[in-house]
């Protein structure tokens, strides 16, 4: 996928909007509160991963690799959402940013779920760890490609 097409994707755009809000929250965090500084840094680290993982998933066709990226995206988005609780517990004054961030994450969640439905379940390699196989495929299944004879035209011994 080319960069322009990627940047037009609603999910990618939403990831960038989330990053912008998290960056703004980081600027508002009082430096003397170590807890909220740590929470803000974690949220920023998670927000930084969203767009590159979307790009990584879009750049490959294999289901298991797409799902691996999707799992990381989901984890990061959920961590950002939960991170808002830390700010609320500490009495963060700019709660409107937290509400805005949570609303963006919720919109992101819906776009994400629709995006994952587009993954081609038939284009996969078996995940021998058993985590990212399409439904009905198990980690210990026989690889159907093992039965395909491969004659190497470059084999010099023939």
N, C-alpha and C. Protein backbone atom coordinates (compact mmCIF):
# COMPACT_ATOMS: atom_id res chain seq x y z
N UNK A 1 0.85 -1.18 0.00
CA UNK A 1 0.00 0.00 0.00
C UNK A 1 0.89 1.23 0.00
N UNK A 2 0.54 2.19 -0.85
CA UNK A 2 1.37 3.39 -0.89
C UNK A 2 1.00 4.33 0.26
N UNK A 3 1.90 5.25 0.54
CA UNK A 3 1.77 6.14 1.69
C UNK A 3 0.50 7.00 1.62
N UNK A 4 0.18 7.52 0.44
CA UNK A 4 -1.01 8.37 0.30
C UNK A 4 -2.29 7.60 0.62
N UNK A 5 -2.37 6.39 0.10
CA UNK A 5 -3.56 5.57 0.36
C UNK A 5 -3.66 5.24 1.85
N UNK A 6 -2.51 4.91 2.46
CA UNK A 6 -2.48 4.62 3.89
C UNK A 6 -2.96 5.82 4.70
N UNK A 7 -2.46 6.99 4.38
CA UNK A 7 -2.81 8.20 5.13
C UNK A 7 -4.27 8.61 4.94
N UNK A 8 -4.93 8.09 3.91
CA UNK A 8 -6.36 8.36 3.70
C UNK A 8 -7.25 7.37 4.43
N UNK A 9 -6.66 6.28 4.93
CA UNK A 9 -7.46 5.28 5.66
C UNK A 9 -8.05 5.89 6.92
N UNK A 10 -9.35 5.74 7.13
CA UNK A 10 -9.97 6.29 8.35
C UNK A 10 -9.31 5.79 9.64
N UNK A 11 -8.93 4.52 9.69
CA UNK A 11 -8.29 3.97 10.89
C UNK A 11 -6.94 4.63 11.13
N UNK A 12 -6.17 4.81 10.09
CA UNK A 12 -4.86 5.46 10.21
C UNK A 12 -5.02 6.91 10.66
N UNK A 13 -5.97 7.61 10.04
CA UNK A 13 -6.24 9.00 10.43
C UNK A 13 -6.61 9.10 11.90
N UNK A 14 -7.44 8.19 12.34
CA UNK A 14 -7.87 8.19 13.75
C UNK A 14 -6.68 7.92 14.67
N UNK A 15 -5.79 7.04 14.26
CA UNK A 15 -4.58 6.78 15.05
C UNK A 15 -3.75 8.05 15.20
N UNK A 16 -3.65 8.82 14.14
CA UNK A 16 -2.89 10.06 14.18
C UNK A 16 -3.58 11.11 15.06
N UNK A 17 -4.91 11.12 15.04
CA UNK A 17 -5.66 12.04 15.91
C UNK A 17 -5.45 11.67 17.38
N UNK A 18 -5.44 10.39 17.67
CA UNK A 18 -5.19 9.93 19.04
C UNK A 18 -3.80 10.36 19.49
N UNK A 19 -2.83 10.20 18.63
CA UNK A 19 -1.46 10.63 18.95
C UNK A 19 -1.42 12.12 19.26
N UNK A 20 -2.10 12.92 18.49
CA UNK A 20 -2.12 14.38 18.72
C UNK A 20 -2.72 14.71 20.09
N UNK A 21 -3.79 14.05 20.46
CA UNK A 21 -4.42 14.31 21.76
C UNK A 21 -3.49 13.88 22.90
N UNK A 22 -2.87 12.73 22.75
CA UNK A 22 -1.94 12.26 23.78
C UNK A 22 -0.76 13.22 23.91
N UNK A 23 -0.27 13.73 22.79
CA UNK A 23 0.83 14.71 22.84
C UNK A 23 0.39 15.96 23.60
N UNK A 24 -0.83 16.40 23.37
CA UNK A 24 -1.35 17.58 24.07
C UNK A 24 -1.47 17.30 25.57
N UNK A 25 -1.97 16.14 25.93
CA UNK A 25 -2.09 15.78 27.34
C UNK A 25 -0.70 15.77 27.99
N UNK A 26 0.29 15.25 27.28
CA UNK A 26 1.65 15.22 27.83
C UNK A 26 2.15 16.63 28.16
N UNK A 27 1.78 17.58 27.34
CA UNK A 27 2.19 18.97 27.57
C UNK A 27 1.52 19.56 28.80
N UNK A 28 0.37 19.04 29.16
CA UNK A 28 -0.40 19.58 30.29
C UNK A 28 -0.10 18.91 31.62
N UNK A 29 0.65 17.82 31.59
CA UNK A 29 0.93 17.08 32.81
C UNK A 29 1.92 17.86 33.68
N UNK A 30 1.57 18.09 34.94
CA UNK A 30 2.52 18.77 35.83
C UNK A 30 3.74 17.88 36.09
N UNK A 31 4.92 18.41 35.83
CA UNK A 31 6.14 17.63 35.93
C UNK A 31 6.43 17.12 37.34
N UNK A 32 5.88 17.78 38.33
CA UNK A 32 6.15 17.37 39.72
C UNK A 32 5.37 16.11 40.11
N UNK A 33 4.37 15.74 39.33
CA UNK A 33 3.60 14.53 39.64
C UNK A 33 4.18 13.36 38.85
N UNK A 34 5.06 12.61 39.49
CA UNK A 34 5.78 11.52 38.82
C UNK A 34 4.83 10.45 38.27
N UNK A 35 3.75 10.20 38.99
CA UNK A 35 2.81 9.17 38.56
C UNK A 35 2.17 9.54 37.22
N UNK A 36 1.63 10.76 37.13
CA UNK A 36 0.97 11.15 35.88
C UNK A 36 1.97 11.33 34.75
N UNK A 37 3.20 11.73 35.08
CA UNK A 37 4.24 11.81 34.06
C UNK A 37 4.49 10.41 33.49
N UNK A 38 4.58 9.42 34.36
CA UNK A 38 4.81 8.04 33.91
C UNK A 38 3.63 7.53 33.08
N UNK A 39 2.42 7.82 33.53
CA UNK A 39 1.23 7.39 32.79
C UNK A 39 1.22 8.05 31.41
N UNK A 40 1.52 9.33 31.36
CA UNK A 40 1.54 10.06 30.09
C UNK A 40 2.59 9.48 29.14
N UNK A 41 3.75 9.15 29.67
CA UNK A 41 4.80 8.56 28.82
C UNK A 41 4.35 7.21 28.28
N UNK A 42 3.72 6.40 29.11
CA UNK A 42 3.22 5.10 28.64
C UNK A 42 2.16 5.28 27.56
N UNK A 43 1.26 6.24 27.77
CA UNK A 43 0.23 6.49 26.78
C UNK A 43 0.85 6.95 25.47
N UNK A 44 1.86 7.78 25.57
CA UNK A 44 2.54 8.29 24.37
C UNK A 44 3.23 7.14 23.63
N UNK A 45 3.91 6.27 24.37
CA UNK A 45 4.56 5.12 23.76
C UNK A 45 3.54 4.25 23.03
N UNK A 46 2.39 4.03 23.65
CA UNK A 46 1.34 3.24 23.01
C UNK A 46 0.78 3.96 21.79
N UNK A 47 0.55 5.26 21.90
CA UNK A 47 -0.01 6.02 20.78
C UNK A 47 0.94 6.04 19.58
N UNK A 48 2.24 6.06 19.87
CA UNK A 48 3.23 6.04 18.80
C UNK A 48 3.21 4.75 17.99
N UNK A 49 2.72 3.68 18.57
CA UNK A 49 2.72 2.38 17.89
C UNK A 49 1.52 2.17 16.97
N UNK A 50 0.45 2.90 17.18
CA UNK A 50 -0.78 2.63 16.43
C UNK A 50 -0.59 2.73 14.91
N UNK A 51 -0.18 3.89 14.43
CA UNK A 51 -0.07 4.09 12.98
C UNK A 51 0.96 3.16 12.33
N UNK A 52 2.16 2.98 12.90
CA UNK A 52 3.11 2.06 12.26
C UNK A 52 2.62 0.61 12.22
N UNK A 53 1.89 0.19 13.22
CA UNK A 53 1.38 -1.19 13.21
C UNK A 53 0.26 -1.34 12.19
N UNK A 54 -0.52 -0.29 11.99
CA UNK A 54 -1.54 -0.32 10.93
C UNK A 54 -0.83 -0.43 9.58
N UNK A 55 0.20 0.38 9.40
CA UNK A 55 0.96 0.35 8.15
C UNK A 55 1.58 -1.03 7.94
N UNK A 56 2.11 -1.61 9.01
CA UNK A 56 2.72 -2.94 8.91
C UNK A 56 1.71 -3.99 8.49
N UNK A 57 0.53 -3.92 9.06
CA UNK A 57 -0.52 -4.88 8.71
C UNK A 57 -1.00 -4.67 7.28
N UNK A 58 -1.08 -3.43 6.86
CA UNK A 58 -1.53 -3.13 5.51
C UNK A 58 -0.49 -3.52 4.46
N UNK A 59 0.76 -3.58 4.88
CA UNK A 59 1.83 -3.87 3.94
C UNK A 59 2.07 -5.34 3.69
N UNK A 60 1.30 -6.19 4.33
CA UNK A 60 1.47 -7.64 4.17
C UNK A 60 0.10 -8.29 4.00
N UNK A 61 0.07 -9.40 3.29
CA UNK A 61 -1.22 -10.06 3.04
C UNK A 61 -1.50 -11.22 3.98
N UNK A 62 -0.49 -11.74 4.67
CA UNK A 62 -0.68 -12.93 5.49
C UNK A 62 -1.53 -12.65 6.73
N UNK A 63 -2.54 -13.47 6.90
CA UNK A 63 -3.49 -13.32 8.00
C UNK A 63 -2.80 -13.30 9.35
N UNK A 64 -1.89 -14.24 9.59
CA UNK A 64 -1.28 -14.35 10.91
C UNK A 64 -0.46 -13.10 11.26
N UNK A 65 0.22 -12.53 10.29
CA UNK A 65 1.01 -11.32 10.55
C UNK A 65 0.08 -10.12 10.75
N UNK A 66 -0.98 -10.05 9.96
CA UNK A 66 -1.96 -8.97 10.16
C UNK A 66 -2.56 -9.05 11.57
N UNK A 67 -2.90 -10.27 11.98
CA UNK A 67 -3.50 -10.44 13.31
C UNK A 67 -2.51 -10.11 14.42
N UNK A 68 -1.25 -10.42 14.21
CA UNK A 68 -0.24 -10.08 15.21
C UNK A 68 -0.16 -8.56 15.38
N UNK A 69 -0.13 -7.85 14.28
CA UNK A 69 -0.14 -6.38 14.35
C UNK A 69 -1.43 -5.87 14.98
N UNK A 70 -2.54 -6.49 14.62
CA UNK A 70 -3.84 -6.07 15.17
C UNK A 70 -3.87 -6.25 16.68
N UNK A 71 -3.30 -7.34 17.17
CA UNK A 71 -3.29 -7.58 18.62
C UNK A 71 -2.49 -6.50 19.34
N UNK A 72 -1.38 -6.08 18.75
CA UNK A 72 -0.58 -5.01 19.36
C UNK A 72 -1.34 -3.70 19.33
N UNK A 73 -2.00 -3.42 18.22
CA UNK A 73 -2.80 -2.18 18.11
C UNK A 73 -3.89 -2.17 19.17
N UNK A 74 -4.59 -3.27 19.31
CA UNK A 74 -5.67 -3.38 20.31
C UNK A 74 -5.12 -3.16 21.71
N UNK A 75 -4.02 -3.80 22.03
CA UNK A 75 -3.41 -3.65 23.36
C UNK A 75 -3.05 -2.20 23.62
N UNK A 76 -2.42 -1.55 22.65
CA UNK A 76 -2.01 -0.16 22.82
C UNK A 76 -3.22 0.76 23.01
N UNK A 77 -4.23 0.58 22.19
CA UNK A 77 -5.43 1.43 22.30
C UNK A 77 -6.11 1.23 23.65
N UNK A 78 -6.19 0.01 24.11
CA UNK A 78 -6.81 -0.25 25.41
C UNK A 78 -5.99 0.35 26.55
N UNK A 79 -4.67 0.27 26.44
CA UNK A 79 -3.80 0.85 27.47
C UNK A 79 -3.98 2.37 27.54
N UNK A 80 -4.13 3.00 26.39
CA UNK A 80 -4.36 4.45 26.36
C UNK A 80 -5.68 4.77 27.06
N UNK A 81 -6.71 4.02 26.72
CA UNK A 81 -8.02 4.24 27.32
C UNK A 81 -7.96 4.09 28.84
N UNK A 82 -7.33 3.02 29.30
CA UNK A 82 -7.23 2.76 30.73
C UNK A 82 -6.33 3.80 31.41
N UNK A 83 -5.33 4.27 30.69
CA UNK A 83 -4.43 5.29 31.24
C UNK A 83 -5.17 6.54 31.69
N UNK A 84 -6.28 6.82 31.07
CA UNK A 84 -7.09 7.99 31.47
C UNK A 84 -7.51 7.88 32.93
N UNK A 85 -7.72 6.65 33.42
CA UNK A 85 -8.11 6.48 34.83
C UNK A 85 -7.06 7.03 35.78
N UNK A 86 -5.79 6.83 35.43
CA UNK A 86 -4.71 7.34 36.27
C UNK A 86 -4.76 8.85 36.40
N UNK A 87 -5.08 9.51 35.32
CA UNK A 87 -5.20 10.98 35.37
C UNK A 87 -6.39 11.41 36.22
N UNK A 88 -7.49 10.70 36.07
CA UNK A 88 -8.69 11.03 36.85
C UNK A 88 -8.42 10.83 38.34
N UNK A 89 -7.75 9.73 38.68
CA UNK A 89 -7.42 9.47 40.09
C UNK A 89 -6.54 10.57 40.69
N UNK A 90 -5.70 11.15 39.87
CA UNK A 90 -4.77 12.18 40.33
C UNK A 90 -5.36 13.58 40.24
N UNK A 91 -6.63 13.68 39.83
CA UNK A 91 -7.29 14.98 39.77
C UNK A 91 -6.81 15.86 38.63
N UNK A 92 -6.48 15.24 37.50
CA UNK A 92 -6.04 16.00 36.32
C UNK A 92 -7.10 17.02 35.97
N UNK A 93 -6.70 18.27 35.87
CA UNK A 93 -7.66 19.38 35.72
C UNK A 93 -8.29 19.46 34.33
N UNK A 94 -7.58 19.05 33.31
CA UNK A 94 -8.09 19.18 31.94
C UNK A 94 -8.82 17.90 31.51
N UNK A 95 -9.87 17.58 32.25
CA UNK A 95 -10.61 16.34 31.99
C UNK A 95 -11.23 16.29 30.60
N UNK A 96 -11.46 17.44 30.00
CA UNK A 96 -12.07 17.44 28.66
C UNK A 96 -11.17 16.73 27.65
N UNK A 97 -9.86 16.80 27.86
CA UNK A 97 -8.93 16.08 26.97
C UNK A 97 -9.06 14.57 27.15
N UNK A 98 -9.27 14.15 28.38
CA UNK A 98 -9.45 12.72 28.65
C UNK A 98 -10.74 12.22 28.03
N UNK A 99 -11.80 13.01 28.15
CA UNK A 99 -13.08 12.64 27.54
C UNK A 99 -12.96 12.58 26.02
N UNK A 100 -12.25 13.56 25.46
CA UNK A 100 -12.03 13.59 24.02
C UNK A 100 -11.21 12.37 23.58
N UNK A 101 -10.18 12.04 24.35
CA UNK A 101 -9.34 10.90 24.02
C UNK A 101 -10.13 9.60 24.08
N UNK A 102 -10.94 9.45 25.10
CA UNK A 102 -11.75 8.23 25.21
C UNK A 102 -12.75 8.12 24.06
N UNK A 103 -13.32 9.24 23.66
CA UNK A 103 -14.26 9.23 22.53
C UNK A 103 -13.54 8.83 21.24
N UNK A 104 -12.32 9.33 21.06
CA UNK A 104 -11.52 8.98 19.88
C UNK A 104 -11.16 7.49 19.89
N UNK A 105 -10.81 6.98 21.06
CA UNK A 105 -10.49 5.55 21.18
C UNK A 105 -11.72 4.71 20.84
N UNK A 106 -12.88 5.14 21.28
CA UNK A 106 -14.10 4.39 20.98
C UNK A 106 -14.38 4.40 19.47
N UNK A 107 -14.19 5.53 18.81
CA UNK A 107 -14.35 5.59 17.36
C UNK A 107 -13.31 4.71 16.67
N UNK A 108 -12.09 4.74 17.20
CA UNK A 108 -11.01 3.91 16.69
C UNK A 108 -11.37 2.42 16.81
N UNK A 109 -11.95 2.04 17.95
CA UNK A 109 -12.33 0.64 18.19
C UNK A 109 -13.28 0.13 17.10
N UNK A 110 -14.27 0.93 16.75
CA UNK A 110 -15.24 0.52 15.74
C UNK A 110 -14.56 0.40 14.36
N UNK A 111 -13.76 1.40 14.01
CA UNK A 111 -13.03 1.34 12.74
C UNK A 111 -12.09 0.13 12.70
N UNK A 112 -11.45 -0.13 13.82
CA UNK A 112 -10.53 -1.26 13.95
C UNK A 112 -11.26 -2.59 13.73
N UNK A 113 -12.39 -2.75 14.40
CA UNK A 113 -13.15 -4.00 14.28
C UNK A 113 -13.60 -4.23 12.84
N UNK A 114 -14.01 -3.18 12.16
CA UNK A 114 -14.41 -3.31 10.75
C UNK A 114 -13.20 -3.64 9.88
N UNK A 115 -12.06 -3.05 10.18
CA UNK A 115 -10.83 -3.30 9.43
C UNK A 115 -10.40 -4.76 9.57
N UNK A 116 -10.44 -5.29 10.79
CA UNK A 116 -10.03 -6.68 11.03
C UNK A 116 -10.92 -7.65 10.24
N UNK A 117 -12.18 -7.31 10.08
CA UNK A 117 -13.09 -8.18 9.31
C UNK A 117 -12.65 -8.31 7.85
N UNK A 118 -11.83 -7.38 7.37
CA UNK A 118 -11.39 -7.44 5.97
C UNK A 118 -10.19 -8.36 5.75
N UNK A 119 -9.59 -8.87 6.80
CA UNK A 119 -8.41 -9.73 6.67
C UNK A 119 -8.81 -11.03 5.97
N UNK A 120 -8.00 -11.45 5.02
CA UNK A 120 -8.25 -12.67 4.26
C UNK A 120 -7.82 -13.88 5.08
N UNK A 121 -8.79 -14.61 5.60
CA UNK A 121 -8.52 -15.77 6.45
C UNK A 121 -7.89 -16.93 5.68
N UNK A 122 -7.95 -16.89 4.36
CA UNK A 122 -7.42 -17.98 3.55
C UNK A 122 -5.99 -17.74 3.10
N UNK A 123 -5.46 -16.60 3.41
CA UNK A 123 -4.08 -16.29 3.04
C UNK A 123 -3.24 -16.29 4.32
N UNK A 124 -2.73 -17.46 4.66
CA UNK A 124 -2.03 -17.59 5.94
C UNK A 124 -0.91 -18.61 5.86
N UNK A 125 -0.03 -18.52 6.81
CA UNK A 125 0.88 -19.60 7.12
C UNK A 125 0.50 -20.04 8.53
N UNK A 126 0.71 -21.30 8.83
CA UNK A 126 0.30 -21.79 10.15
C UNK A 126 1.18 -21.15 11.22
N UNK A 127 0.52 -20.54 12.19
CA UNK A 127 1.23 -19.98 13.34
C UNK A 127 1.49 -21.11 14.31
N UNK A 128 2.71 -21.58 14.36
CA UNK A 128 3.05 -22.73 15.20
C UNK A 128 3.00 -22.39 16.69
N UNK A 129 2.82 -21.13 17.03
CA UNK A 129 2.60 -20.73 18.43
C UNK A 129 1.12 -20.86 18.78
N UNK A 130 0.27 -20.98 17.76
CA UNK A 130 -1.15 -21.22 17.98
C UNK A 130 -1.98 -20.00 18.32
N UNK A 131 -1.42 -18.82 18.14
CA UNK A 131 -2.13 -17.62 18.59
C UNK A 131 -2.89 -16.91 17.47
N UNK A 132 -2.33 -16.88 16.26
CA UNK A 132 -2.92 -16.05 15.21
C UNK A 132 -3.34 -16.86 13.99
N UNK A 133 -3.84 -18.05 14.21
CA UNK A 133 -4.34 -18.85 13.10
C UNK A 133 -5.79 -18.48 12.80
N UNK A 134 -6.18 -18.62 11.54
CA UNK A 134 -7.59 -18.38 11.21
C UNK A 134 -8.45 -19.43 11.92
N UNK A 135 -9.74 -19.15 12.07
CA UNK A 135 -10.63 -20.13 12.69
C UNK A 135 -10.53 -21.48 11.98
N UNK A 136 -10.43 -22.54 12.76
CA UNK A 136 -10.37 -23.89 12.21
C UNK A 136 -8.97 -24.39 11.91
N UNK A 137 -7.96 -23.53 12.04
CA UNK A 137 -6.58 -23.93 11.79
C UNK A 137 -5.88 -24.02 13.14
N UNK A 138 -5.20 -25.15 13.37
CA UNK A 138 -4.51 -25.35 14.64
C UNK A 138 -3.00 -25.31 14.44
N UNK A 139 -2.30 -25.01 15.51
CA UNK A 139 -0.84 -24.88 15.46
C UNK A 139 -0.15 -26.17 15.00
N UNK A 140 -0.77 -27.32 15.28
CA UNK A 140 -0.14 -28.59 14.96
C UNK A 140 -0.69 -29.23 13.68
N UNK A 141 -1.49 -28.49 12.91
CA UNK A 141 -1.99 -29.01 11.64
C UNK A 141 -0.83 -29.24 10.68
N UNK A 142 -1.04 -30.19 9.77
CA UNK A 142 -0.05 -30.43 8.73
C UNK A 142 -0.11 -29.25 7.76
N UNK A 143 1.04 -28.75 7.39
CA UNK A 143 1.11 -27.65 6.44
C UNK A 143 0.75 -28.17 5.05
N UNK A 144 -0.33 -27.66 4.43
CA UNK A 144 -0.74 -28.18 3.11
C UNK A 144 0.32 -27.94 2.04
N UNK A 145 1.19 -26.98 2.23
CA UNK A 145 2.23 -26.69 1.25
C UNK A 145 3.34 -27.75 1.25
N UNK A 146 3.40 -28.58 2.29
CA UNK A 146 4.46 -29.60 2.36
C UNK A 146 4.33 -30.63 1.24
N UNK A 147 3.13 -30.84 0.72
CA UNK A 147 2.90 -31.84 -0.32
C UNK A 147 3.16 -31.32 -1.73
N UNK A 148 3.45 -30.03 -1.85
CA UNK A 148 3.69 -29.46 -3.17
C UNK A 148 5.15 -29.75 -3.56
N UNK A 149 5.34 -30.50 -4.65
CA UNK A 149 6.72 -30.78 -5.05
C UNK A 149 7.39 -29.50 -5.54
N UNK A 150 8.62 -29.36 -5.18
CA UNK A 150 9.35 -28.18 -5.61
C UNK A 150 10.58 -28.63 -6.38
N UNK A 151 10.55 -28.37 -7.66
CA UNK A 151 11.70 -28.67 -8.50
C UNK A 151 12.44 -27.37 -8.71
N UNK A 152 13.63 -27.31 -8.18
CA UNK A 152 14.44 -26.10 -8.29
C UNK A 152 15.09 -26.06 -9.67
N UNK A 153 14.67 -25.12 -10.52
CA UNK A 153 15.25 -25.04 -11.87
C UNK A 153 16.72 -24.61 -11.84
N UNK A 154 17.16 -24.13 -10.69
CA UNK A 154 18.53 -23.65 -10.57
C UNK A 154 19.46 -24.70 -9.95
N UNK A 155 18.91 -25.89 -9.71
CA UNK A 155 19.73 -26.94 -9.13
C UNK A 155 20.76 -27.39 -10.17
N UNK A 156 22.03 -27.22 -9.87
CA UNK A 156 23.10 -27.49 -10.82
C UNK A 156 23.44 -28.97 -10.90
N UNK A 157 22.91 -29.80 -10.02
CA UNK A 157 23.26 -31.21 -10.02
C UNK A 157 22.54 -31.99 -11.10
N UNK A 158 21.45 -31.46 -11.63
CA UNK A 158 20.68 -32.19 -12.65
C UNK A 158 21.38 -32.18 -13.98
